[in-house]
Amino acid sequence: MTRSTALLGTTAGLGGAVVAAALGFAVRPRPFAPMTGEDRGVVELRQDLPPLLRQHLDADGDGHVPRMDTVGLWADTRMRVGRTPWLPLRYRSLLGVGAAFVTDIELTWWGRPVLTGVDAYAGDRGMTRIGSSINVGDEIDQGANLALWANSTLVPSAFAVGGRIDAVQEDSETTRLTFPLGSRTDVAWLRFSGGHPRRLSALRYKRTGRPKLWWHADYFGWRRVHGICLPQRLEVTWEDEGRPWLRMDLVDFAANIDIDAALTRAAQLVRRARSSCA
């Protein structure tokens, strides 16, 4: 065998491996098993909500919205890491509205998990684990708290009487949201188009030890599901990257599900992570 023949064979083998890898990442994973929710009646929206936000939240205009204490979100999700193409993820987020959440993420190849991750927030503290790498700290707390309230904006009853999100309409297209961050507050801006949110923007830590950057969540394809308006697609972008790094297509949504065990797990994950990184 000549050197050139051997080189061609090696090149062909590498090319085949690249194609196989690409095909593996093109296979969509099965979603996590959905959960069954329940109807807990309705609650009254706050009277001081800006008209722009109120009209979006109150789908039938009667001043009341479904009561949702816990929420599960399942999404067909893809992500980019640096310059990679879109990579497939299994994604499930279980949310105690305005209190805690745990999000399970699995990077898959040929539909099977090859890397697992979890984000959790409980007791005003957050943690992120990707594989065996764990991150905690003030920056993680702020980002997790922002994720908690960003998801809560999809739940109209988070703006019911007694709710903890303050909303002020700044102009014809923008509402400023202020929500708790431990003993302090944090702020996000919700921009509307066609009667529904188009973009949620906030300053968020991208890396520990670095300044905050603009973080954007863009919504597409609003439609009515289970008596509320939900987007079909959500894309997340860091301002310094200029293009989405996360894309989520909603697969299922359930309210008032039993997630006590999941939220207990979230608290345990946060506690153990902070202990291991102390």
Protein backbone atom coordinates (compact mmCIF):
# COMPACT_ATOMS: atom_id res chain seq x y z
CA MET A 1 0.00 0.00 0.00
CA THR A 2 1.38 3.39 -0.96
CA ARG A 3 1.51 6.29 1.46
CA SER A 4 -1.09 8.17 -0.61
CA THR A 5 -3.44 5.18 -0.59
CA ALA A 6 -3.10 4.86 3.17
CA LEU A 7 -3.73 8.58 3.58
CA LEU A 8 -6.87 8.35 1.46
CA GLY A 9 -8.08 5.44 3.55
CA THR A 10 -7.46 7.33 6.79
CA THR A 11 -9.20 10.42 5.42
CA ALA A 12 -12.19 8.36 4.35
CA GLY A 13 -12.36 6.76 7.78
CA LEU A 14 -12.25 10.12 9.51
CA GLY A 15 -14.88 11.46 7.16
CA GLY A 16 -17.12 8.50 7.95
CA ALA A 17 -16.65 9.08 11.68
CA VAL A 18 -17.57 12.75 11.30
CA VAL A 19 -20.69 11.85 9.32
CA ALA A 20 -21.67 9.24 11.91
CA ALA A 21 -21.21 11.77 14.71
CA ALA A 22 -23.28 14.36 12.87
CA LEU A 23 -26.04 11.85 12.16
CA GLY A 24 -26.08 10.85 15.83
CA PHE A 25 -26.67 14.43 16.92
CA ALA A 26 -29.44 14.77 14.33
CA VAL A 27 -31.56 12.12 16.10
CA ARG A 28 -34.17 13.75 18.32
CA PRO A 29 -34.38 12.24 21.84
CA ARG A 30 -37.59 11.04 23.42
CA PRO A 31 -38.99 13.64 25.82
CA PHE A 32 -39.21 13.03 29.54
CA ALA A 33 -42.48 11.39 30.56
CA PRO A 34 -45.20 14.02 31.09
CA MET A 35 -47.12 14.41 34.34
CA THR A 36 -50.81 14.95 35.00
CA GLY A 37 -51.98 18.20 36.53
CA GLU A 38 -55.22 19.26 38.17
CA ASP A 39 -57.68 22.14 38.09
CA ARG A 40 -57.51 24.33 41.22
CA GLY A 41 -59.96 26.97 40.11
CA VAL A 42 -59.10 30.58 39.38
CA VAL A 43 -57.53 33.56 41.13
CA GLU A 44 -58.00 37.29 40.62
CA LEU A 45 -55.39 39.30 38.77
CA ARG A 46 -54.00 42.35 40.54
CA GLN A 47 -55.80 45.56 39.70
CA ASP A 48 -52.60 47.60 39.31
CA LEU A 49 -51.14 45.60 36.41
CA PRO A 50 -50.24 47.63 33.32
CA PRO A 51 -52.81 47.25 30.50
CA LEU A 52 -50.18 45.85 28.13
CA LEU A 53 -49.39 42.97 30.49
CA ARG A 54 -52.93 42.48 31.77
CA GLN A 55 -54.40 42.01 28.29
CA HIS A 56 -51.83 39.30 27.55
CA LEU A 57 -52.35 37.45 30.83
CA ASP A 58 -56.15 37.62 30.88
CA ALA A 59 -56.99 35.53 27.81
CA ASP A 60 -60.77 35.80 28.22
CA GLY A 61 -60.87 39.28 29.78
CA ASP A 62 -62.78 38.38 32.96
CA GLY A 63 -60.09 39.49 35.43
CA HIS A 64 -59.38 35.95 36.61
CA VAL A 65 -56.78 33.35 35.57
CA PRO A 66 -56.22 29.67 36.37
CA ARG A 67 -54.51 29.08 39.71
CA MET A 68 -51.15 27.42 39.11
CA ASP A 69 -48.99 26.65 42.13
CA THR A 70 -46.61 24.26 40.40
CA VAL A 71 -45.76 23.87 36.73
CA GLY A 72 -43.97 21.33 34.56
CA LEU A 73 -42.45 22.28 31.20
CA TRP A 74 -41.23 19.72 28.67
CA ALA A 75 -39.46 20.99 25.58
CA ASP A 76 -37.77 19.72 22.43
CA THR A 77 -34.52 21.55 23.04
CA ARG A 78 -31.30 22.27 21.18
CA MET A 79 -28.20 24.15 22.22
CA ARG A 80 -24.95 25.46 20.79
CA VAL A 81 -21.63 25.41 22.59
CA GLY A 82 -19.33 27.99 21.03
CA ARG A 83 -19.24 27.31 17.29
CA THR A 84 -20.86 23.88 17.39
CA PRO A 85 -24.00 23.14 15.36
CA TRP A 86 -27.27 22.64 17.22
CA LEU A 87 -26.99 19.75 19.69
CA PRO A 88 -30.08 17.84 20.91
CA LEU A 89 -31.18 17.89 24.55
CA ARG A 90 -33.80 16.23 26.66
CA TYR A 91 -35.27 18.98 28.85
CA ARG A 92 -37.70 19.08 31.74
CA SER A 93 -38.22 21.91 34.23
CA LEU A 94 -40.36 21.50 37.36
CA LEU A 95 -41.27 24.80 38.97
CA GLY A 96 -42.74 25.80 42.30
CA VAL A 97 -44.02 29.16 41.07
CA GLY A 98 -42.04 32.00 42.64
CA ALA A 99 -40.21 29.65 45.01
CA ALA A 100 -37.96 26.93 43.57
CA PHE A 101 -37.23 24.79 40.53
CA VAL A 102 -35.20 21.87 39.29
CA THR A 103 -34.34 21.47 35.60
CA ASP A 104 -32.95 18.23 34.19
CA ILE A 105 -30.99 18.37 30.94
CA GLU A 106 -29.44 15.53 28.93
CA LEU A 107 -27.22 15.95 25.88
CA THR A 108 -28.00 13.01 23.61
CA TRP A 109 -26.32 11.18 20.73
CA TRP A 110 -28.38 8.76 18.66
CA GLY A 111 -31.15 9.61 21.14
CA ARG A 112 -29.20 8.37 24.17
CA PRO A 113 -27.80 10.53 27.01
CA VAL A 114 -24.05 11.17 26.80
CA LEU A 115 -23.85 14.10 29.23
CA THR A 116 -26.27 15.08 31.98
CA GLY A 117 -26.82 18.38 33.71
CA VAL A 118 -29.10 19.89 36.33
CA ASP A 119 -29.98 23.42 37.39
CA ALA A 120 -31.66 23.92 40.75
CA TYR A 121 -32.84 26.79 42.91
CA ALA A 122 -34.20 26.63 46.45
CA GLY A 123 -34.00 28.82 49.52
CA ASP A 124 -32.70 31.78 47.47
CA ARG A 125 -29.66 29.72 46.37
CA GLY A 126 -28.84 28.15 43.05
CA MET A 127 -26.51 25.54 41.60
CA THR A 128 -25.50 24.23 38.20
CA ARG A 129 -24.01 20.82 37.52
CA ILE A 130 -22.76 19.66 34.12
CA GLY A 131 -21.34 16.17 34.31
CA SER A 132 -19.14 16.24 37.41
CA SER A 133 -18.54 20.02 37.27
CA ILE A 134 -20.49 21.98 39.91
CA ASN A 135 -20.92 25.76 40.13
CA VAL A 136 -22.35 27.76 43.03
CA GLY A 137 -21.97 31.33 44.27
CA ASP A 138 -23.61 34.74 44.13
CA GLU A 139 -23.48 34.82 40.32
CA ILE A 140 -25.22 31.44 40.08
CA ASP A 141 -27.81 32.55 42.64
CA GLN A 142 -28.65 35.63 40.58
CA GLY A 143 -28.90 33.68 37.32
CA ALA A 144 -31.04 30.95 38.85
CA ASN A 145 -33.33 33.51 40.49
CA LEU A 146 -33.73 35.22 37.12
CA ALA A 147 -34.57 31.87 35.50
CA LEU A 148 -37.17 31.24 38.22
CA TRP A 149 -38.99 34.51 37.58
CA ALA A 150 -38.53 34.36 33.79
CA ASN A 151 -40.40 31.05 33.83
CA SER A 152 -42.97 32.52 36.21
CA THR A 153 -43.85 35.17 33.60
CA LEU A 154 -45.39 32.29 31.62
CA VAL A 155 -47.77 31.64 34.53
CA PRO A 156 -50.54 34.29 34.75
CA SER A 157 -51.36 33.49 38.39
CA ALA A 158 -47.86 34.71 39.35
CA PHE A 159 -49.43 38.16 38.82
CA ALA A 160 -52.51 37.46 40.92
CA VAL A 161 -53.46 39.35 44.06
CA GLY A 162 -50.66 38.77 46.56
CA GLY A 163 -48.08 38.05 43.84
CA ARG A 164 -44.46 39.13 44.29
CA ILE A 165 -43.71 40.55 40.83
CA ASP A 166 -44.11 44.32 40.43
CA ALA A 167 -44.87 45.57 36.93
CA VAL A 168 -44.71 49.09 35.53
CA GLN A 169 -45.47 50.00 31.92
CA GLU A 170 -42.64 52.20 30.64
CA ASP A 171 -43.88 52.86 27.10
CA SER A 172 -46.29 51.47 24.50
CA GLU A 173 -44.16 48.34 24.02
CA THR A 174 -42.28 47.77 27.29
CA THR A 175 -43.10 46.69 30.83
CA ARG A 176 -40.49 46.73 33.58
CA LEU A 177 -40.67 43.79 35.98
CA THR A 178 -39.17 43.87 39.48
CA PHE A 179 -38.95 40.64 41.46
CA PRO A 180 -37.34 39.44 44.70
CA LEU A 181 -33.66 38.45 44.84
CA GLY A 182 -33.21 37.27 48.42
CA SER A 183 -33.50 40.41 50.53
CA ARG A 184 -32.98 42.58 47.43
CA THR A 185 -34.66 42.90 44.03
CA ASP A 186 -33.75 42.34 40.40
CA VAL A 187 -35.18 43.85 37.22
CA ALA A 188 -36.12 42.64 33.75
CA TRP A 189 -37.76 44.33 30.78
CA LEU A 190 -40.57 42.63 28.88
CA ARG A 191 -41.08 43.95 25.35
CA PHE A 192 -44.35 43.29 23.54
CA SER A 193 -45.39 42.90 19.91
CA GLY A 194 -48.88 42.09 18.64
CA GLY A 195 -50.31 41.93 22.15
CA HIS A 196 -47.86 39.33 23.49
CA PRO A 197 -44.33 39.36 24.89
CA ARG A 198 -41.62 39.34 22.25
CA ARG A 199 -38.46 39.58 24.37
CA LEU A 200 -37.50 39.43 28.05
CA SER A 201 -34.17 41.14 28.75
CA ALA A 202 -32.10 41.37 31.93
CA LEU A 203 -28.54 41.78 33.09
CA ARG A 204 -27.22 38.38 34.16
CA TYR A 205 -23.91 36.85 35.11
CA LYS A 206 -22.57 34.66 32.32
CA ARG A 207 -19.44 33.58 34.22
CA THR A 208 -18.41 33.75 37.84
CA GLY A 209 -16.07 36.62 38.59
CA ARG A 210 -17.15 38.57 35.49
CA PRO A 211 -19.52 41.54 35.05
CA LYS A 212 -23.16 41.02 34.10
CA LEU A 213 -24.13 40.89 30.43
CA TRP A 214 -27.44 41.37 28.69
CA TRP A 215 -29.40 38.13 28.52
CA HIS A 216 -32.43 37.85 26.22
CA ALA A 217 -35.30 35.36 25.99
CA ASP A 218 -37.31 35.65 22.76
CA TYR A 219 -40.82 34.21 22.36
CA PHE A 220 -42.47 32.95 19.16
CA GLY A 221 -45.85 31.50 18.21
CA TRP A 222 -48.09 32.41 21.11
CA ARG A 223 -51.25 30.28 21.38
CA ARG A 224 -53.78 29.30 24.01
CA VAL A 225 -53.04 26.15 26.04
CA HIS A 226 -54.91 25.03 29.20
CA GLY A 227 -56.65 28.42 29.43
CA ILE A 228 -53.49 30.56 29.22
CA CYS A 229 -51.24 31.88 26.45
CA LEU A 230 -47.97 30.03 25.92
CA PRO A 231 -45.26 30.40 23.26
CA GLN A 232 -44.48 27.58 20.89
CA ARG A 233 -40.79 28.46 20.83
CA LEU A 234 -38.34 30.17 23.18
CA GLU A 235 -34.81 31.22 22.17
CA VAL A 236 -32.13 32.42 24.58
CA THR A 237 -29.27 34.72 23.55
CA TRP A 238 -26.31 36.33 25.28
CA GLU A 239 -25.81 39.85 23.94
CA ASP A 240 -22.09 39.32 23.30
CA GLU A 241 -22.74 36.24 21.13
CA GLY A 242 -25.30 37.81 18.84
CA ARG A 243 -27.20 34.60 18.10
CA PRO A 244 -29.29 32.15 20.16
CA TRP A 245 -27.42 29.44 22.06
CA LEU A 246 -30.60 27.70 23.31
CA ARG A 247 -33.79 26.91 21.40
CA MET A 248 -36.81 25.30 23.04
CA ASP A 249 -40.01 24.09 21.36
CA LEU A 250 -42.71 23.42 23.93
CA VAL A 251 -43.78 19.77 23.95
CA ASP A 252 -46.07 19.74 26.98
CA PHE A 253 -47.15 21.86 29.92
CA ALA A 254 -48.93 20.82 33.10
CA ALA A 255 -50.04 22.82 36.13
CA ASN A 256 -50.59 21.84 39.75
CA ILE A 257 -48.57 18.66 39.47
CA ASP A 258 -47.11 16.81 42.43
CA ILE A 259 -43.47 17.92 42.50
CA ASP A 260 -42.82 17.79 46.25
CA ALA A 261 -40.14 15.15 45.75
CA ALA A 262 -38.56 17.18 42.93
CA LEU A 263 -38.39 20.35 45.02
CA THR A 264 -36.97 18.40 47.97
CA ARG A 265 -34.36 17.11 45.53
CA ALA A 266 -33.65 20.69 44.41
CA ALA A 267 -33.01 21.78 48.00
CA GLN A 268 -30.74 18.77 48.57
CA LEU A 269 -28.79 19.43 45.37
CA VAL A 270 -28.21 23.06 46.32
CA ARG A 271 -27.18 22.17 49.87
CA ARG A 272 -24.76 19.45 48.77
CA ALA A 273 -23.28 21.59 46.00
CA ARG A 274 -22.60 24.47 48.34
CA SER A 275 -21.12 22.11 50.91
CA SER A 276 -18.81 20.45 48.36
CA CYS A 277 -17.61 23.83 47.05
CA ALA A 278 -17.12 25.44 50.47
